[in-house]
Amino acid sequence: MAYDEDLANRIREVLAGEQAVEGRAVDEKRMFGGLAFLVGGHMAVAASGRGGLMVRVPPEDTETLLAADHVSPMVMAGRETKGWLRVADDGVRTTRQLRTWVRRGVAHVTTLPPK
């Protein structure tokens, strides 16, 4: 399954309005069957090739955020990946929902050392 182009365009719109992104390079890269959005060289969010959104979060927040509606752990190679979540399509239907998750991903990667 290819990633959702509409979701990718909506992510672009949200990122364009984010002050935390100002002065940082925002790049797009096809990864894992989806389209990743990197801020300052770090992947913040992605339009997943399996539908919905992948978002990077502080690893220590993973368990708490899994309690949110439409959120599940990101599993790679059969293992849950702390610091990464999947948000189903229903969890990013509205601009407000999407903005919340994109901001969360951007906020986390802007705390990481530059690449």
PDB file of N, CA and C in Angstrom:
ATOM      1  N   MET A   1       0.845  -1.187   0.000  1.00  0.00           N
ATOM      2  CA  MET A   1       0.000   0.000   0.000  1.00  0.00           C
ATOM      3  C   MET A   1       0.887   1.245   0.000  1.00  0.00           C
ATOM      4  N   ALA A   2       0.598   2.171  -0.874  1.00  0.00           N
ATOM      5  CA  ALA A   2       1.337   3.426  -0.930  1.00  0.00           C
ATOM      6  C   ALA A   2       0.824   4.366   0.159  1.00  0.00           C
ATOM      7  N   TYR A   3       1.662   5.310   0.535  1.00  0.00           N
ATOM      8  CA  TYR A   3       1.227   6.269   1.550  1.00  0.00           C
ATOM      9  C   TYR A   3       0.132   7.176   0.999  1.00  0.00           C
ATOM     10  N   ASP A   4      -0.615   7.775   1.890  1.00  0.00           N
ATOM     11  CA  ASP A   4      -1.742   8.648   1.568  1.00  0.00           C
ATOM     12  C   ASP A   4      -1.217  10.033   1.171  1.00  0.00           C
ATOM     13  N   GLU A   5      -1.330  10.360  -0.114  1.00  0.00           N
ATOM     14  CA  GLU A   5      -0.855  11.656  -0.622  1.00  0.00           C
ATOM     15  C   GLU A   5      -1.565  12.825   0.055  1.00  0.00           C
ATOM     16  N   ASP A   6      -2.861  12.653   0.321  1.00  0.00           N
ATOM     17  CA  ASP A   6      -3.615  13.714   0.996  1.00  0.00           C
ATOM     18  C   ASP A   6      -3.043  13.967   2.390  1.00  0.00           C
ATOM     19  N   LEU A   7      -2.748  12.896   3.114  1.00  0.00           N
ATOM     20  CA  LEU A   7      -2.152  13.055   4.444  1.00  0.00           C
ATOM     21  C   LEU A   7      -0.791  13.734   4.328  1.00  0.00           C
ATOM     22  N   ALA A   8       0.010  13.343   3.354  1.00  0.00           N
ATOM     23  CA  ALA A   8       1.320  13.971   3.163  1.00  0.00           C
ATOM     24  C   ALA A   8       1.170  15.472   2.913  1.00  0.00           C
ATOM     25  N   ASN A   9       0.201  15.864   2.087  1.00  0.00           N
ATOM     26  CA  ASN A   9      -0.039  17.289   1.824  1.00  0.00           C
ATOM     27  C   ASN A   9      -0.491  18.013   3.085  1.00  0.00           C
ATOM     28  N   ARG A  10      -1.319  17.360   3.883  1.00  0.00           N
ATOM     29  CA  ARG A  10      -1.777  17.971   5.137  1.00  0.00           C
ATOM     30  C   ARG A  10      -0.612  18.137   6.110  1.00  0.00           C
ATOM     31  N   ILE A  11       0.302  17.151   6.147  1.00  0.00           N
ATOM     32  CA  ILE A  11       1.488  17.272   7.002  1.00  0.00           C
ATOM     33  C   ILE A  11       2.325  18.458   6.538  1.00  0.00           C
ATOM     34  N   ARG A  12       2.522  18.607   5.228  1.00  0.00           N
ATOM     35  CA  ARG A  12       3.281  19.745   4.684  1.00  0.00           C
ATOM     36  C   ARG A  12       2.675  21.072   5.148  1.00  0.00           C
ATOM     37  N   GLU A  13       1.348  21.161   5.085  1.00  0.00           N
ATOM     38  CA  GLU A  13       0.670  22.396   5.497  1.00  0.00           C
ATOM     39  C   GLU A  13       0.913  22.692   6.978  1.00  0.00           C
ATOM     40  N   VAL A  14       0.812  21.662   7.811  1.00  0.00           N
ATOM     41  CA  VAL A  14       1.043  21.857   9.243  1.00  0.00           C
ATOM     42  C   VAL A  14       2.481  22.276   9.488  1.00  0.00           C
ATOM     43  N   LEU A  15       3.431  21.595   8.860  1.00  0.00           N
ATOM     44  CA  LEU A  15       4.841  21.928   9.059  1.00  0.00           C
ATOM     45  C   LEU A  15       5.158  23.350   8.599  1.00  0.00           C
ATOM     46  N   ALA A  16       4.506  23.791   7.540  1.00  0.00           N
ATOM     47  CA  ALA A  16       4.748  25.146   7.032  1.00  0.00           C
ATOM     48  C   ALA A  16       4.365  26.210   8.057  1.00  0.00           C
ATOM     49  N   GLY A  17       3.414  25.899   8.926  1.00  0.00           N
ATOM     50  CA  GLY A  17       2.955  26.865   9.913  1.00  0.00           C
ATOM     51  C   GLY A  17       3.601  26.721  11.282  1.00  0.00           C
ATOM     52  N   GLU A  18       4.514  25.783  11.441  1.00  0.00           N
ATOM     53  CA  GLU A  18       5.111  25.523  12.750  1.00  0.00           C
ATOM     54  C   GLU A  18       6.319  26.420  13.004  1.00  0.00           C
ATOM     55  N   GLN A  19       6.251  27.219  14.057  1.00  0.00           N
ATOM     56  CA  GLN A  19       7.359  28.093  14.410  1.00  0.00           C
ATOM     57  C   GLN A  19       8.595  27.305  14.832  1.00  0.00           C
ATOM     58  N   ALA A  20       8.414  26.157  15.456  1.00  0.00           N
ATOM     59  CA  ALA A  20       9.555  25.351  15.911  1.00  0.00           C
ATOM     60  C   ALA A  20      10.416  24.888  14.741  1.00  0.00           C
ATOM     61  N   VAL A  21       9.847  24.897  13.538  1.00  0.00           N
ATOM     62  CA  VAL A  21      10.572  24.441  12.358  1.00  0.00           C
ATOM     63  C   VAL A  21      11.423  25.571  11.770  1.00  0.00           C
ATOM     64  N   GLU A  22      11.069  26.818  12.043  1.00  0.00           N
ATOM     65  CA  GLU A  22      11.758  27.952  11.441  1.00  0.00           C
ATOM     66  C   GLU A  22      13.262  27.849  11.636  1.00  0.00           C
ATOM     67  N   GLY A  23      13.990  28.023  10.543  1.00  0.00           N
ATOM     68  CA  GLY A  23      15.441  27.971  10.595  1.00  0.00           C
ATOM     69  C   GLY A  23      16.001  26.564  10.529  1.00  0.00           C
ATOM     70  N   ARG A  24      15.154  25.570  10.493  1.00  0.00           N
ATOM     71  CA  ARG A  24      15.606  24.176  10.408  1.00  0.00           C
ATOM     72  C   ARG A  24      15.179  23.612   9.063  1.00  0.00           C
ATOM     73  N   ALA A  25      16.046  22.842   8.486  1.00  0.00           N
ATOM     74  CA  ALA A  25      15.720  22.211   7.214  1.00  0.00           C
ATOM     75  C   ALA A  25      14.626  21.180   7.419  1.00  0.00           C
ATOM     76  N   VAL A  26      13.638  21.210   6.542  1.00  0.00           N
ATOM     77  CA  VAL A  26      12.597  20.180   6.532  1.00  0.00           C
ATOM     78  C   VAL A  26      12.755  19.432   5.213  1.00  0.00           C
ATOM     79  N   ASP A  27      13.048  18.155   5.328  1.00  0.00           N
ATOM     80  CA  ASP A  27      13.245  17.329   4.148  1.00  0.00           C
ATOM     81  C   ASP A  27      12.216  16.216   4.126  1.00  0.00           C
ATOM     82  N   GLU A  28      11.922  15.761   2.924  1.00  0.00           N
ATOM     83  CA  GLU A  28      11.022  14.624   2.737  1.00  0.00           C
ATOM     84  C   GLU A  28      11.835  13.489   2.143  1.00  0.00           C
ATOM     85  N   LYS A  29      11.582  12.295   2.644  1.00  0.00           N
ATOM     86  CA  LYS A  29      12.323  11.134   2.175  1.00  0.00           C
ATOM     87  C   LYS A  29      11.408   9.919   2.183  1.00  0.00           C
ATOM     88  N   ARG A  30      11.399   9.194   1.092  1.00  0.00           N
ATOM     89  CA  ARG A  30      10.622   7.951   1.034  1.00  0.00           C
ATOM     90  C   ARG A  30      11.339   6.911   1.885  1.00  0.00           C
ATOM     91  N   MET A  31      10.628   6.390   2.880  1.00  0.00           N
ATOM     92  CA  MET A  31      11.192   5.401   3.790  1.00  0.00           C
ATOM     93  C   MET A  31      10.094   4.447   4.235  1.00  0.00           C
ATOM     94  N   PHE A  32      10.433   3.195   4.384  1.00  0.00           N
ATOM     95  CA  PHE A  32       9.518   2.191   4.943  1.00  0.00           C
ATOM     96  C   PHE A  32       8.181   2.152   4.213  1.00  0.00           C
ATOM     97  N   GLY A  33       8.164   2.425   2.919  1.00  0.00           N
ATOM     98  CA  GLY A  33       6.928   2.410   2.155  1.00  0.00           C
ATOM     99  C   GLY A  33       6.069   3.645   2.350  1.00  0.00           C
ATOM    100  N   GLY A  34       6.578   4.614   3.087  1.00  0.00           N
ATOM    101  CA  GLY A  34       5.848   5.851   3.341  1.00  0.00           C
ATOM    102  C   GLY A  34       6.674   7.056   2.962  1.00  0.00           C
ATOM    103  N   LEU A  35       6.248   8.207   3.426  1.00  0.00           N
ATOM    104  CA  LEU A  35       6.962   9.451   3.183  1.00  0.00           C
ATOM    105  C   LEU A  35       7.278  10.083   4.521  1.00  0.00           C
ATOM    106  N   ALA A  36       8.576  10.127   4.837  1.00  0.00           N
ATOM    107  CA  ALA A  36       9.038  10.667   6.114  1.00  0.00           C
ATOM    108  C   ALA A  36       9.319  12.152   5.987  1.00  0.00           C
ATOM    109  N   PHE A  37       9.072  12.866   7.081  1.00  0.00           N
ATOM    110  CA  PHE A  37       9.365  14.294   7.165  1.00  0.00           C
ATOM    111  C   PHE A  37      10.434  14.466   8.230  1.00  0.00           C
ATOM    112  N   LEU A  38      11.599  14.933   7.783  1.00  0.00           N
ATOM    113  CA  LEU A  38      12.741  15.107   8.668  1.00  0.00           C
ATOM    114  C   LEU A  38      12.916  16.578   8.988  1.00  0.00           C
ATOM    115  N   VAL A  39      13.133  16.874  10.246  1.00  0.00           N
ATOM    116  CA  VAL A  39      13.365  18.244  10.690  1.00  0.00           C
ATOM    117  C   VAL A  39      14.773  18.271  11.279  1.00  0.00           C
ATOM    118  N   GLY A  40      15.626  19.078  10.658  1.00  0.00           N
ATOM    119  CA  GLY A  40      17.008  19.130  11.108  1.00  0.00           C
ATOM    120  C   GLY A  40      17.706  17.784  10.995  1.00  0.00           C
ATOM    121  N   GLY A  41      17.295  16.963  10.037  1.00  0.00           N
ATOM    122  CA  GLY A  41      17.907  15.668   9.820  1.00  0.00           C
ATOM    123  C   GLY A  41      17.305  14.525  10.613  1.00  0.00           C
ATOM    124  N   HIS A  42      16.381  14.819  11.503  1.00  0.00           N
ATOM    125  CA  HIS A  42      15.734  13.789  12.323  1.00  0.00           C
ATOM    126  C   HIS A  42      14.304  13.569  11.845  1.00  0.00           C
ATOM    127  N   MET A  43      13.928  12.304  11.698  1.00  0.00           N
ATOM    128  CA  MET A  43      12.557  11.993  11.290  1.00  0.00           C
ATOM    129  C   MET A  43      11.592  12.323  12.419  1.00  0.00           C
ATOM    130  N   ALA A  44      10.640  13.200  12.140  1.00  0.00           N
ATOM    131  CA  ALA A  44       9.656  13.625  13.139  1.00  0.00           C
ATOM    132  C   ALA A  44       8.339  12.872  12.963  1.00  0.00           C
ATOM    133  N   VAL A  45       7.863  12.802  11.727  1.00  0.00           N
ATOM    134  CA  VAL A  45       6.606  12.116  11.407  1.00  0.00           C
ATOM    135  C   VAL A  45       6.730  11.515  10.019  1.00  0.00           C
ATOM    136  N   ALA A  46       5.789  10.630   9.710  1.00  0.00           N
ATOM    137  CA  ALA A  46       5.739  10.050   8.369  1.00  0.00           C
ATOM    138  C   ALA A  46       4.309   9.675   8.024  1.00  0.00           C
ATOM    139  N   ALA A  47       3.963   9.881   6.764  1.00  0.00           N
ATOM    140  CA  ALA A  47       2.725   9.328   6.232  1.00  0.00           C
ATOM    141  C   ALA A  47       3.061   7.871   5.946  1.00  0.00           C
ATOM    142  N   SER A  48       2.485   6.973   6.710  1.00  0.00           N
ATOM    143  CA  SER A  48       2.857   5.564   6.658  1.00  0.00           C
ATOM    144  C   SER A  48       2.326   4.875   5.409  1.00  0.00           C
ATOM    145  N   GLY A  49       3.114   3.981   4.882  1.00  0.00           N
ATOM    146  CA  GLY A  49       2.678   3.163   3.762  1.00  0.00           C
ATOM    147  C   GLY A  49       1.608   2.167   4.170  1.00  0.00           C
ATOM    148  N   ARG A  50       1.426   1.966   5.473  1.00  0.00           N
ATOM    149  CA  ARG A  50       0.377   1.087   5.989  1.00  0.00           C
ATOM    150  C   ARG A  50      -0.834   1.878   6.468  1.00  0.00           C
ATOM    151  N   GLY A  51      -0.873   3.161   6.142  1.00  0.00           N
ATOM    152  CA  GLY A  51      -1.980   4.021   6.541  1.00  0.00           C
ATOM    153  C   GLY A  51      -1.682   4.744   7.834  1.00  0.00           C
ATOM    154  N   GLY A  52      -2.254   5.905   7.986  1.00  0.00           N
ATOM    155  CA  GLY A  52      -2.071   6.692   9.198  1.00  0.00           C
ATOM    156  C   GLY A  52      -0.704   7.345   9.276  1.00  0.00           C
ATOM    157  N   LEU A  53      -0.356   7.708  10.488  1.00  0.00           N
ATOM    158  CA  LEU A  53       0.829   8.511  10.758  1.00  0.00           C
ATOM    159  C   LEU A  53       1.779   7.760  11.673  1.00  0.00           C
ATOM    160  N   MET A  54       3.059   7.861  11.387  1.00  0.00           N
ATOM    161  CA  MET A  54       4.081   7.422  12.331  1.00  0.00           C
ATOM    162  C   MET A  54       4.635   8.697  12.953  1.00  0.00           C
ATOM    163  N   VAL A  55       4.833   8.682  14.257  1.00  0.00           N
ATOM    164  CA  VAL A  55       5.303   9.887  14.935  1.00  0.00           C
ATOM    165  C   VAL A  55       6.385   9.521  15.946  1.00  0.00           C
ATOM    166  N   ARG A  56       7.405  10.359  16.003  1.00  0.00           N
ATOM    167  CA  ARG A  56       8.487  10.163  16.961  1.00  0.00           C
ATOM    168  C   ARG A  56       8.179  10.948  18.225  1.00  0.00           C
ATOM    169  N   VAL A  57       8.320  10.281  19.359  1.00  0.00           N
ATOM    170  CA  VAL A  57       8.014  10.894  20.652  1.00  0.00           C
ATOM    171  C   VAL A  57       9.149  10.572  21.627  1.00  0.00           C
ATOM    172  N   PRO A  58       9.242  11.297  22.725  1.00  0.00           N
ATOM    173  CA  PRO A  58      10.233  10.921  23.735  1.00  0.00           C
ATOM    174  C   PRO A  58       9.976   9.482  24.192  1.00  0.00           C
ATOM    175  N   PRO A  59      11.005   8.639  24.221  1.00  0.00           N
ATOM    176  CA  PRO A  59      10.804   7.242  24.609  1.00  0.00           C
ATOM    177  C   PRO A  59      10.088   7.083  25.944  1.00  0.00           C
ATOM    178  N   GLU A  60      10.360   7.985  26.880  1.00  0.00           N
ATOM    179  CA  GLU A  60       9.727   7.874  28.197  1.00  0.00           C
ATOM    180  C   GLU A  60       8.238   8.207  28.168  1.00  0.00           C
ATOM    181  N   ASP A  61       7.745   8.795  27.087  1.00  0.00           N
ATOM    182  CA  ASP A  61       6.320   9.124  26.950  1.00  0.00           C
ATOM    183  C   ASP A  61       5.533   8.045  26.213  1.00  0.00           C
ATOM    184  N   THR A  62       6.228   7.064  25.656  1.00  0.00           N
ATOM    185  CA  THR A  62       5.585   6.063  24.809  1.00  0.00           C
ATOM    186  C   THR A  62       4.407   5.387  25.499  1.00  0.00           C
ATOM    187  N   GLU A  63       4.623   4.843  26.680  1.00  0.00           N
ATOM    188  CA  GLU A  63       3.561   4.093  27.367  1.00  0.00           C
ATOM    189  C   GLU A  63       2.338   4.961  27.645  1.00  0.00           C
ATOM    190  N   THR A  64       2.553   6.185  28.097  1.00  0.00           N
ATOM    191  CA  THR A  64       1.440   7.091  28.393  1.00  0.00           C
ATOM    192  C   THR A  64       0.635   7.402  27.134  1.00  0.00           C
ATOM    193  N   LEU A  65       1.327   7.673  26.038  1.00  0.00           N
ATOM    194  CA  LEU A  65       0.654   8.057  24.797  1.00  0.00           C
ATOM    195  C   LEU A  65      -0.099   6.891  24.158  1.00  0.00           C
ATOM    196  N   LEU A  66       0.307   5.669  24.470  1.00  0.00           N
ATOM    197  CA  LEU A  66      -0.396   4.508  23.929  1.00  0.00           C
ATOM    198  C   LEU A  66      -1.833   4.415  24.439  1.00  0.00           C
ATOM    199  N   ALA A  67      -2.143   5.124  25.513  1.00  0.00           N
ATOM    200  CA  ALA A  67      -3.505   5.125  26.050  1.00  0.00           C
ATOM    201  C   ALA A  67      -4.445   6.006  25.223  1.00  0.00           C
ATOM    202  N   ALA A  68      -3.890   6.851  24.351  1.00  0.00           N
ATOM    203  CA  ALA A  68      -4.725   7.740  23.532  1.00  0.00           C
ATOM    204  C   ALA A  68      -5.480   6.933  22.480  1.00  0.00           C
ATOM    205  N   ASP A  69      -6.640   7.454  22.089  1.00  0.00           N
ATOM    206  CA  ASP A  69      -7.440   6.799  21.054  1.00  0.00           C
ATOM    207  C   ASP A  69      -6.657   6.709  19.751  1.00  0.00           C
ATOM    208  N   HIS A  70      -6.815   5.604  19.047  1.00  0.00           N
ATOM    209  CA  HIS A  70      -6.267   5.386  17.711  1.00  0.00           C
ATOM    210  C   HIS A  70      -4.746   5.263  17.675  1.00  0.00           C
ATOM    211  N   VAL A  71      -4.110   5.067  18.826  1.00  0.00           N
ATOM    212  CA  VAL A  71      -2.651   4.991  18.894  1.00  0.00           C
ATOM    213  C   VAL A  71      -2.233   3.561  19.205  1.00  0.00           C
ATOM    214  N   SER A  72      -1.204   3.109  18.507  1.00  0.00           N
ATOM    215  CA  SER A  72      -0.648   1.781  18.759  1.00  0.00           C
ATOM    216  C   SER A  72       0.872   1.869  18.672  1.00  0.00           C
ATOM    217  N   PRO A  73       1.541   0.873  19.212  1.00  0.00           N
ATOM    218  CA  PRO A  73       3.002   0.902  19.140  1.00  0.00           C
ATOM    219  C   PRO A  73       3.473   0.692  17.712  1.00  0.00           C
ATOM    220  N   MET A  74       4.600   1.250  17.380  1.00  0.00           N
ATOM    221  CA  MET A  74       5.212   0.964  16.094  1.00  0.00           C
ATOM    222  C   MET A  74       6.039  -0.300  16.272  1.00  0.00           C
ATOM    223  N   VAL A  75       5.818  -1.261  15.401  1.00  0.00           N
ATOM    224  CA  VAL A  75       6.526  -2.530  15.479  1.00  0.00           C
ATOM    225  C   VAL A  75       7.379  -2.683  14.231  1.00  0.00           C
ATOM    226  N   MET A  76       8.668  -2.912  14.452  1.00  0.00           N
ATOM    227  CA  MET A  76       9.591  -3.172  13.343  1.00  0.00           C
ATOM    228  C   MET A  76      10.345  -4.451  13.659  1.00  0.00           C
ATOM    229  N   ALA A  77      10.459  -5.311  12.682  1.00  0.00           N
ATOM    230  CA  ALA A  77      11.145  -6.592  12.839  1.00  0.00           C
ATOM    231  C   ALA A  77      10.576  -7.376  14.022  1.00  0.00           C
ATOM    232  N   GLY A  78       9.250  -7.256  14.219  1.00  0.00           N
ATOM    233  CA  GLY A  78       8.589  -8.008  15.266  1.00  0.00           C
ATOM    234  C   GLY A  78       8.737  -7.446  16.668  1.00  0.00           C
ATOM    235  N   ARG A  79       9.368  -6.273  16.800  1.00  0.00           N
ATOM    236  CA  ARG A  79       9.576  -5.689  18.130  1.00  0.00           C
ATOM    237  C   ARG A  79       8.991  -4.284  18.189  1.00  0.00           C
ATOM    238  N   GLU A  80       8.388  -3.966  19.339  1.00  0.00           N
ATOM    239  CA  GLU A  80       7.897  -2.601  19.561  1.00  0.00           C
ATOM    240  C   GLU A  80       9.099  -1.673  19.664  1.00  0.00           C
ATOM    241  N   THR A  81       8.943  -0.495  19.095  1.00  0.00           N
ATOM    242  CA  THR A  81      10.024   0.480  19.085  1.00  0.00           C
ATOM    243  C   THR A  81       9.650   1.641  19.995  1.00  0.00           C
ATOM    244  N   LYS A  82      10.283   1.716  21.163  1.00  0.00           N
ATOM    245  CA  LYS A  82      10.009   2.832  22.085  1.00  0.00           C
ATOM    246  C   LYS A  82      10.398   4.135  21.397  1.00  0.00           C
ATOM    247  N   GLY A  83       9.577   5.135  21.614  1.00  0.00           N
ATOM    248  CA  GLY A  83       9.848   6.425  21.004  1.00  0.00           C
ATOM    249  C   GLY A  83       9.191   6.615  19.653  1.00  0.00           C
ATOM    250  N   TRP A  84       8.452   5.612  19.215  1.00  0.00           N
ATOM    251  CA  TRP A  84       7.726   5.693  17.946  1.00  0.00           C
ATOM    252  C   TRP A  84       6.321   5.156  18.143  1.00  0.00           C
ATOM    253  N   LEU A  85       5.363   5.840  17.533  1.00  0.00           N
ATOM    254  CA  LEU A  85       3.957   5.426  17.619  1.00  0.00           C
ATOM    255  C   LEU A  85       3.328   5.435  16.237  1.00  0.00           C
ATOM    256  N   ARG A  86       2.274   4.642  16.106  1.00  0.00           N
ATOM    257  CA  ARG A  86       1.418   4.697  14.922  1.00  0.00           C
ATOM    258  C   ARG A  86       0.095   5.323  15.351  1.00  0.00           C
ATOM    259  N   VAL A  87      -0.364   6.260  14.566  1.00  0.00           N
ATOM    260  CA  VAL A  87      -1.662   6.875  14.811  1.00  0.00           C
ATOM    261  C   VAL A  87      -2.528   6.531  13.599  1.00  0.00           C
ATOM    262  N   ALA A  88      -3.609   5.825  13.844  1.00  0.00           N
ATOM    263  CA  ALA A  88      -4.505   5.398  12.769  1.00  0.00           C
ATOM    264  C   ALA A  88      -5.153   6.604  12.093  1.00  0.00           C
ATOM    265  N   ASP A  89      -5.660   6.372  10.894  1.00  0.00           N
ATOM    266  CA  ASP A  89      -6.315   7.440  10.123  1.00  0.00           C
ATOM    267  C   ASP A  89      -7.351   8.196  10.947  1.00  0.00           C
ATOM    268  N   ASP A  90      -8.134   7.469  11.756  1.00  0.00           N
ATOM    269  CA  ASP A  90      -9.167   8.125  12.559  1.00  0.00           C
ATOM    270  C   ASP A  90      -8.577   9.080  13.596  1.00  0.00           C
ATOM    271  N   GLY A  91      -7.331   8.908  13.930  1.00  0.00           N
ATOM    272  CA  GLY A  91      -6.676   9.773  14.909  1.00  0.00           C
ATOM    273  C   GLY A  91      -6.067  11.025  14.317  1.00  0.00           C
ATOM    274  N   VAL A  92      -6.117  11.149  12.971  1.00  0.00           N
ATOM    275  CA  VAL A  92      -5.575  12.346  12.305  1.00  0.00           C
ATOM    276  C   VAL A  92      -6.549  12.881  11.260  1.00  0.00           C
ATOM    277  N   ARG A  93      -7.830  12.614  11.479  1.00  0.00           N
ATOM    278  CA  ARG A  93      -8.857  13.062  10.529  1.00  0.00           C
ATOM    279  C   ARG A  93      -8.940  14.587  10.439  1.00  0.00           C
ATOM    280  N   THR A  94      -8.913  15.242  11.586  1.00  0.00           N
ATOM    281  CA  THR A  94      -9.058  16.699  11.586  1.00  0.00           C
ATOM    282  C   THR A  94      -7.690  17.370  11.592  1.00  0.00           C
ATOM    283  N   THR A  95      -7.669  18.612  11.185  1.00  0.00           N
ATOM    284  CA  THR A  95      -6.422  19.380  11.214  1.00  0.00           C
ATOM    285  C   THR A  95      -5.921  19.502  12.643  1.00  0.00           C
ATOM    286  N   ARG A  96      -6.811  19.682  13.581  1.00  0.00           N
ATOM    287  CA  ARG A  96      -6.403  19.809  14.984  1.00  0.00           C
ATOM    288  C   ARG A  96      -5.720  18.536  15.481  1.00  0.00           C
ATOM    289  N   GLN A  97      -6.294  17.390  15.152  1.00  0.00           N
ATOM    290  CA  GLN A  97      -5.686  16.118  15.553  1.00  0.00           C
ATOM    291  C   GLN A  97      -4.296  15.964  14.928  1.00  0.00           C
ATOM    292  N   LEU A  98      -4.211  16.202  13.628  1.00  0.00           N
ATOM    293  CA  LEU A  98      -2.936  16.059  12.931  1.00  0.00           C
ATOM    294  C   LEU A  98      -1.905  17.028  13.485  1.00  0.00           C
ATOM    295  N   ARG A  99      -2.308  18.276  13.680  1.00  0.00           N
ATOM    296  CA  ARG A  99      -1.383  19.290  14.201  1.00  0.00           C
ATOM    297  C   ARG A  99      -0.825  18.867  15.561  1.00  0.00           C
ATOM    298  N   THR A 100      -1.652  18.305  16.413  1.00  0.00           N
ATOM    299  CA  THR A 100      -1.206  17.860  17.733  1.00  0.00           C
ATOM    300  C   THR A 100      -0.077  16.844  17.604  1.00  0.00           C
ATOM    301  N   TRP A 101      -0.245  15.851  16.727  1.00  0.00           N
ATOM    302  CA  TRP A 101       0.772  14.813  16.573  1.00  0.00           C
ATOM    303  C   TRP A 101       2.018  15.334  15.871  1.00  0.00           C
ATOM    304  N   VAL A 102       1.841  16.156  14.848  1.00  0.00           N
ATOM    305  CA  VAL A 102       3.008  16.719  14.152  1.00  0.00           C
ATOM    306  C   VAL A 102       3.808  17.586  15.120  1.00  0.00           C
ATOM    307  N   ARG A 103       3.131  18.412  15.885  1.00  0.00           N
ATOM    308  CA  ARG A 103       3.830  19.254  16.865  1.00  0.00           C
ATOM    309  C   ARG A 103       4.595  18.407  17.883  1.00  0.00           C
ATOM    310  N   ARG A 104       3.993  17.311  18.291  1.00  0.00           N
ATOM    311  CA  ARG A 104       4.652  16.422  19.258  1.00  0.00           C
ATOM    312  C   ARG A 104       5.943  15.862  18.656  1.00  0.00           C
ATOM    313  N   GLY A 105       5.876  15.411  17.417  1.00  0.00           N
ATOM    314  CA  GLY A 105       7.072  14.881  16.751  1.00  0.00           C
ATOM    315  C   GLY A 105       8.138  15.933  16.546  1.00  0.00           C
ATOM    316  N   VAL A 106       7.725  17.115  16.099  1.00  0.00           N
ATOM    317  CA  VAL A 106       8.678  18.210  15.873  1.00  0.00           C
ATOM    318  C   VAL A 106       9.295  18.651  17.192  1.00  0.00           C
ATOM    319  N   ALA A 107       8.486  18.782  18.232  1.00  0.00           N
ATOM    320  CA  ALA A 107       9.003  19.199  19.530  1.00  0.00           C
ATOM    321  C   ALA A 107      10.072  18.242  20.030  1.00  0.00           C
ATOM    322  N   HIS A 108       9.860  16.954  19.818  1.00  0.00           N
ATOM    323  CA  HIS A 108      10.849  15.989  20.275  1.00  0.00           C
ATOM    324  C   HIS A 108      12.144  16.077  19.460  1.00  0.00           C
ATOM    325  N   VAL A 109      12.051  16.091  18.138  1.00  0.00           N
ATOM    326  CA  VAL A 109      13.287  16.071  17.351  1.00  0.00           C
ATOM    327  C   VAL A 109      14.084  17.364  17.476  1.00  0.00           C
ATOM    328  N   THR A 110      13.424  18.455  17.822  1.00  0.00           N
ATOM    329  CA  THR A 110      14.188  19.696  18.003  1.00  0.00           C
ATOM    330  C   THR A 110      14.989  19.701  19.290  1.00  0.00           C
ATOM    331  N   THR A 111      14.784  18.705  20.152  1.00  0.00           N
ATOM    332  CA  THR A 111      15.593  18.582  21.362  1.00  0.00           C
ATOM    333  C   THR A 111      16.827  17.699  21.127  1.00  0.00           C
ATOM    334  N   LEU A 112      16.866  17.046  19.976  1.00  0.00           N
ATOM    335  CA  LEU A 112      17.974  16.132  19.685  1.00  0.00           C
ATOM    336  C   LEU A 112      19.171  16.899  19.111  1.00  0.00           C
ATOM    337  N   PRO A 113      20.369  16.371  19.291  1.00  0.00           N
ATOM    338  CA  PRO A 113      21.553  17.040  18.737  1.00  0.00           C
ATOM    339  C   PRO A 113      21.450  17.137  17.221  1.00  0.00           C
ATOM    340  N   PRO A 114      21.956  18.197  16.652  1.00  0.00           N
ATOM    341  CA  PRO A 114      21.888  18.342  15.182  1.00  0.00           C
ATOM    342  C   PRO A 114      22.638  17.217  14.481  1.00  0.00           C
ATOM    343  N   LYS A 115      22.159  16.890  13.305  1.00  0.00           N
ATOM    344  CA  LYS A 115      22.831  15.870  12.483  1.00  0.00           C
ATOM    345  C   LYS A 115      23.736  16.562  11.489  1.00  0.00           C
TER     346      LYS A 115
END
